[in-house]
Every structure is written in C-alpha cells, then in structure tokens.
Amino acid sequence: MGSASITLAASATSIDRSMVEQIVRQVALEYLGRGKNTPTLTVQASSRHMHVSREDMDVLFGPGSELTFDRPLYQEGNFAARETVTIVGPRSRLISNLRILGPFRKLSQIELAFTDAIMLGFTDIPVRLSGDIAGTPGAIVIGPKGVVELKEGLIRAAIHVHMNPTEAAHFGVTKGDRMKLRIGGEAGVTFNNVHVRIDAASRLNVHMDTDEANACGMHLTKDIELFK
C-alpha cells in the first residue's frame, strides 16, 4: 500500500494553520479514495423571501389565484414567482416587493437576513431551518387583494446544505448532521454549523443568507470547501 507524506520546510514565515488543515484533509481524502469524483458544490446567497400557503394566497391575491412562474431555482421544482408582497413590522416599518417562492407550502413563512429584521424593527427573530416556525414572531402581510396577519412565521434561515443520498455517502453524513463550510479569500471565514438536509431529488447546494455571504465575500472567491 502506498503512503502519502507532507514535508513542511521551515522558514521565517509561519504557515497558516488553516492551510495545513486543508492539506491534511486533502491527503486523507486521496488516501481513502474519496478525493475522486467529488460532487460539484454550488454555494448561493438566499435573499429575503416568502413561502405562501394556499389559504393565504387566496386572501393576498384572490380566491383560486396561482403563483406565476418567473425563473427556476437551483433545486428542482422550486421557483421564484412574479408575485410580491409587502410586510409590516413593529412601529409600522415595512419591506415592499418581497418575492414569493414556489411551490405552495403547508404554512406561510418569511425568511429574512438579520439586517432585514433590524430594519423592520424586530430584535428577536430566531435562526431556524425552513419549516420550523413554532413560536416565532409574526407580521402583517399585504397583497393586492387582501391582508394576512401571520401569528408566527418569521425566521432567519439557518445556513444549510442540500444533498442527495449518494452525496451524503461521499461526505459520510446523515440527515441532521452539521458540517463546516470554509470560504477562503481576504474576508474568509469558516461556518461551523451547516445543517445537512438530504433528499433523493436534491442537488449539492449550500444556502446562506445575504448577511453571511457579504460578510465573507463569498462572491469574490472560488476557494470554497465543504467538510465534516
């Protein structure tokens, strides 16, 4: 059996710890045979948006109204609709032209970045996975045909990764695990709590909010690594 080794030459300049860790991980992957056929990772910033229920759609846009397809999203079956709403927070602060994403959900929810929440006047919006809205704040939602008062449903979406079972096996993770996402570059950071979501129809894709993406300069680098 072959072996791999790393020689680190001594110099006046110390080697960055993260660089050493990256090299060690790469050698380990190659040794285990997992460095080949690595799935292609796409990382995206998810802007504020709303998921709407059939019931609330009827109130906001009229009985029997449907979402109008505008463009597809990365995950198959999901799309940005042409329909938008206005949400009103404490002290009558509002955000207009909030995009609705389809398809319909069982319950309506609104996903905001932290700065969006502050702008609306909220200080207590929790970080949750999509769909986990119990006990969260609500807001008033205004559509062209009516108004809905959500009793709950406002969240800051937790950073997460979508993957299918084959991709999960490659990384050695199961649903509910947490992974790390390293973003390199001048403003590079490592996110330590990337929630794993597994579905047969999913494509390998990390979603973070716009605050997170801007803070690490995600759009300025291709030096990105997902690992357990």
Protein backbone atom coordinates (compact mmCIF):
# COMPACT_ATOMS: atom_id res chain seq x y z
CA MET A 1 0.00 0.00 0.00
CA GLY A 2 1.32 3.39 -0.95
CA SER A 3 1.74 6.16 1.55
CA ALA A 4 1.42 9.92 1.41
CA SER A 5 3.58 12.35 3.27
CA ILE A 6 3.78 16.10 3.69
CA THR A 7 7.06 17.95 4.16
CA LEU A 8 6.78 21.39 5.66
CA ALA A 9 10.02 23.31 5.16
CA ALA A 10 10.98 25.57 8.00
CA SER A 11 11.10 29.23 7.12
CA ALA A 12 10.98 32.60 8.73
CA THR A 13 7.31 32.87 7.77
CA SER A 14 4.94 30.66 9.78
CA ILE A 15 2.46 28.53 7.84
CA ASP A 16 -1.18 29.39 8.32
CA ARG A 17 -2.95 26.73 10.42
CA SER A 18 -5.98 26.59 8.12
CA MET A 19 -3.69 25.90 5.15
CA VAL A 20 -2.09 22.98 6.99
CA GLU A 21 -5.52 21.60 7.88
CA GLN A 22 -6.63 21.88 4.26
CA ILE A 23 -3.55 19.97 3.03
CA VAL A 24 -4.04 17.24 5.63
CA ARG A 25 -7.72 16.84 4.69
CA GLN A 26 -6.84 16.58 1.00
CA VAL A 27 -4.23 13.89 1.66
CA ALA A 28 -6.70 11.98 3.83
CA LEU A 29 -9.35 12.10 1.12
CA GLU A 30 -6.95 10.84 -1.51
CA TYR A 31 -5.75 8.06 0.79
CA LEU A 32 -9.34 6.95 1.45
CA GLY A 33 -10.23 7.11 -2.22
CA ARG A 34 -12.78 9.87 -1.71
CA GLY A 35 -10.83 12.57 -3.48
CA LYS A 36 -12.02 11.27 -6.86
CA ASN A 37 -15.38 12.11 -8.40
CA THR A 38 -16.01 14.79 -5.81
CA PRO A 39 -19.55 16.20 -6.22
CA THR A 40 -19.75 19.73 -7.58
CA LEU A 41 -20.69 22.16 -4.83
CA THR A 42 -22.76 25.27 -5.50
CA VAL A 43 -23.00 27.93 -2.77
CA GLN A 44 -25.69 30.58 -3.05
CA ALA A 45 -26.88 33.60 -1.12
CA SER A 46 -30.60 33.46 -0.47
CA SER A 47 -32.28 36.88 -0.43
CA ARG A 48 -35.26 37.62 1.80
CA HIS A 49 -38.43 35.96 0.55
CA MET A 50 -41.79 34.45 1.46
CA HIS A 51 -43.23 30.95 1.15
CA VAL A 52 -47.02 31.11 1.00
CA SER A 53 -49.81 28.67 1.82
CA ARG A 54 -52.78 28.06 -0.45
CA GLU A 55 -55.09 29.67 2.13
CA ASP A 56 -53.01 32.84 2.48
CA MET A 57 -52.55 33.08 -1.31
CA ASP A 58 -56.34 33.24 -1.70
CA VAL A 59 -56.51 36.17 0.71
CA LEU A 60 -53.50 38.07 -0.64
CA PHE A 61 -54.12 37.61 -4.39
CA GLY A 62 -57.73 36.48 -4.64
CA PRO A 63 -59.54 33.12 -4.43
CA GLY A 64 -58.11 30.49 -6.75
CA SER A 65 -55.08 32.61 -7.71
CA GLU A 66 -51.89 30.79 -8.69
CA LEU A 67 -48.23 31.66 -8.46
CA THR A 68 -46.81 32.89 -11.76
CA PHE A 69 -43.53 31.23 -12.73
CA ASP A 70 -40.70 33.74 -13.21
CA ARG A 71 -37.47 31.72 -13.06
CA PRO A 72 -36.30 28.33 -11.78
CA LEU A 73 -34.26 27.94 -8.62
CA TYR A 74 -31.32 25.57 -8.25
CA GLN A 75 -33.31 22.84 -6.53
CA GLU A 76 -35.65 21.12 -8.98
CA GLY A 77 -39.32 22.03 -8.60
CA ASN A 78 -38.63 25.30 -6.77
CA PHE A 79 -39.05 28.65 -8.47
CA ALA A 80 -39.21 32.40 -7.98
CA ALA A 81 -42.70 33.72 -8.68
CA ARG A 82 -43.59 37.08 -10.13
CA GLU A 83 -45.86 37.82 -7.19
CA THR A 84 -44.56 40.06 -4.39
CA VAL A 85 -45.99 41.32 -1.11
CA THR A 86 -45.32 43.99 1.49
CA ILE A 87 -44.59 43.03 5.09
CA VAL A 88 -45.14 45.37 8.01
CA GLY A 89 -43.18 45.08 11.23
CA PRO A 90 -43.29 46.84 14.60
CA ARG A 91 -43.83 50.61 14.58
CA SER A 92 -45.22 50.34 11.01
CA ARG A 93 -41.83 49.74 9.38
CA LEU A 94 -42.16 47.83 6.13
CA ILE A 95 -40.40 46.00 3.32
CA SER A 96 -42.08 46.11 -0.08
CA ASN A 97 -41.62 43.92 -3.16
CA LEU A 98 -40.86 40.83 -1.09
CA ARG A 99 -40.61 37.96 -3.56
CA ILE A 100 -42.70 34.81 -3.15
CA LEU A 101 -41.03 31.46 -3.88
CA GLY A 102 -42.99 28.46 -5.07
CA PRO A 103 -44.45 25.94 -4.82
CA PHE A 104 -47.10 26.43 -2.14
CA ARG A 105 -46.23 25.44 1.42
CA LYS A 106 -48.46 23.99 4.10
CA LEU A 107 -47.79 27.09 6.24
CA SER A 108 -46.66 30.54 5.22
CA GLN A 109 -43.27 31.75 6.38
CA ILE A 110 -40.93 34.66 5.71
CA GLU A 111 -37.13 34.29 5.67
CA LEU A 112 -35.08 37.39 6.46
CA ALA A 113 -31.44 38.26 6.99
CA PHE A 114 -30.52 39.84 10.32
CA THR A 115 -30.25 43.33 8.81
CA ASP A 116 -33.72 42.90 7.25
CA ALA A 117 -35.14 42.04 10.66
CA ILE A 118 -33.50 45.06 12.29
CA MET A 119 -34.81 47.31 9.53
CA LEU A 120 -38.34 46.07 10.22
CA GLY A 121 -37.94 46.68 13.94
CA PHE A 122 -37.56 43.06 15.09
CA THR A 123 -34.87 42.06 17.59
CA ASP A 124 -35.98 38.52 18.42
CA ILE A 125 -36.23 36.60 15.13
CA PRO A 126 -34.63 33.19 15.74
CA VAL A 127 -32.31 31.22 13.45
CA ARG A 128 -34.29 28.22 12.23
CA LEU A 129 -34.40 25.70 9.42
CA SER A 130 -37.11 26.33 6.86
CA GLY A 131 -40.44 24.98 8.10
CA ASP A 132 -39.55 25.20 11.79
CA ILE A 133 -41.67 28.21 12.69
CA ALA A 134 -43.32 27.29 16.00
CA GLY A 135 -43.01 30.13 18.50
CA THR A 136 -41.53 32.61 16.02
CA PRO A 137 -42.71 36.22 15.58
CA GLY A 138 -45.39 37.14 13.07
CA ALA A 139 -46.08 40.13 10.85
CA ILE A 140 -48.74 41.75 8.70
CA VAL A 141 -48.52 40.79 5.02
CA ILE A 142 -50.19 42.98 2.39
CA GLY A 143 -51.10 41.73 -1.08
CA PRO A 144 -53.02 43.35 -3.95
CA LYS A 145 -56.32 41.76 -2.85
CA GLY A 146 -56.09 41.48 0.90
CA VAL A 147 -54.13 41.43 4.15
CA VAL A 148 -52.94 38.45 6.21
CA GLU A 149 -51.80 38.73 9.80
CA LEU A 150 -49.28 35.97 10.41
CA LYS A 151 -49.24 34.96 14.07
CA GLU A 152 -45.85 33.30 13.52
CA GLY A 153 -43.56 32.52 10.63
CA LEU A 154 -40.64 35.00 10.60
CA ILE A 155 -37.22 33.32 10.75
CA ARG A 156 -33.59 33.87 9.96
CA ALA A 157 -32.84 30.81 7.85
CA ALA A 158 -30.03 28.67 9.26
CA ILE A 159 -27.17 28.04 6.84
CA HIS A 160 -27.73 24.57 5.37
CA VAL A 161 -26.67 22.17 2.63
CA HIS A 162 -28.98 20.20 0.35
CA MET A 163 -27.69 16.86 -0.93
CA ASN A 164 -28.89 13.52 -2.22
CA PRO A 165 -28.08 10.16 -0.56
CA THR A 166 -25.10 9.50 -2.87
CA GLU A 167 -23.57 12.86 -1.99
CA ALA A 168 -24.27 12.23 1.69
CA ALA A 169 -22.42 8.93 1.48
CA HIS A 170 -19.46 10.70 -0.15
CA PHE A 171 -19.18 13.11 2.79
CA GLY A 172 -20.06 10.47 5.39
CA VAL A 173 -23.02 12.41 6.83
CA THR A 174 -26.67 11.75 7.61
CA LYS A 175 -29.73 13.97 7.83
CA GLY A 176 -29.49 16.35 10.78
CA ASP A 177 -25.69 16.31 10.95
CA ARG A 178 -23.75 19.56 10.82
CA MET A 179 -20.84 20.25 8.52
CA LYS A 180 -18.28 23.02 8.06
CA LEU A 181 -18.01 25.37 5.11
CA ARG A 182 -14.71 27.16 4.60
CA ILE A 183 -14.75 30.30 2.48
CA GLY A 184 -11.27 31.50 1.52
CA GLY A 185 -10.18 34.92 0.38
CA GLU A 186 -9.40 38.23 2.05
CA ALA A 187 -12.51 38.09 4.24
CA GLY A 188 -12.55 34.30 4.55
CA VAL A 189 -14.34 32.53 7.38
CA THR A 190 -15.42 29.01 8.32
CA PHE A 191 -19.07 28.34 9.10
CA ASN A 192 -19.22 25.57 11.72
CA ASN A 193 -22.94 24.77 11.81
CA VAL A 194 -24.05 23.95 8.27
CA HIS A 195 -27.20 21.83 8.68
CA VAL A 196 -27.43 18.75 6.46
CA ARG A 197 -30.69 18.19 4.56
CA ILE A 198 -30.95 15.03 2.44
CA ASP A 199 -33.48 14.26 -0.28
CA ALA A 200 -33.32 11.99 -3.32
CA ALA A 201 -34.19 14.89 -5.65
CA SER A 202 -31.66 17.35 -4.17
CA ARG A 203 -28.50 18.71 -5.80
CA LEU A 204 -25.45 19.59 -3.71
CA ASN A 205 -26.11 23.18 -2.72
CA VAL A 206 -25.36 25.37 0.30
CA HIS A 207 -27.76 28.21 1.13
CA MET A 208 -26.66 31.13 3.28
CA ASP A 209 -28.36 34.48 3.76
CA THR A 210 -27.15 37.75 2.26
CA ASP A 211 -25.57 38.96 5.52
CA GLU A 212 -23.44 35.83 5.73
CA ALA A 213 -22.47 35.98 2.06
CA ASN A 214 -21.48 39.65 2.23
CA ALA A 215 -19.51 39.23 5.45
CA CYS A 216 -17.24 36.54 3.99
CA GLY A 217 -17.02 37.98 0.48
CA MET A 218 -18.43 34.75 -0.91
CA HIS A 219 -18.89 36.17 -4.41
CA LEU A 220 -15.21 37.15 -4.63
CA THR A 221 -13.63 33.71 -4.23
CA LYS A 222 -13.70 30.22 -5.68
CA ASP A 223 -11.75 28.88 -2.70
CA ILE A 224 -14.66 27.07 -1.06
CA GLU A 225 -14.62 23.76 0.80
CA LEU A 226 -17.37 21.71 2.49
CA PHE A 227 -16.27 19.09 5.01
CA LYS A 228 -17.44 17.16 8.04
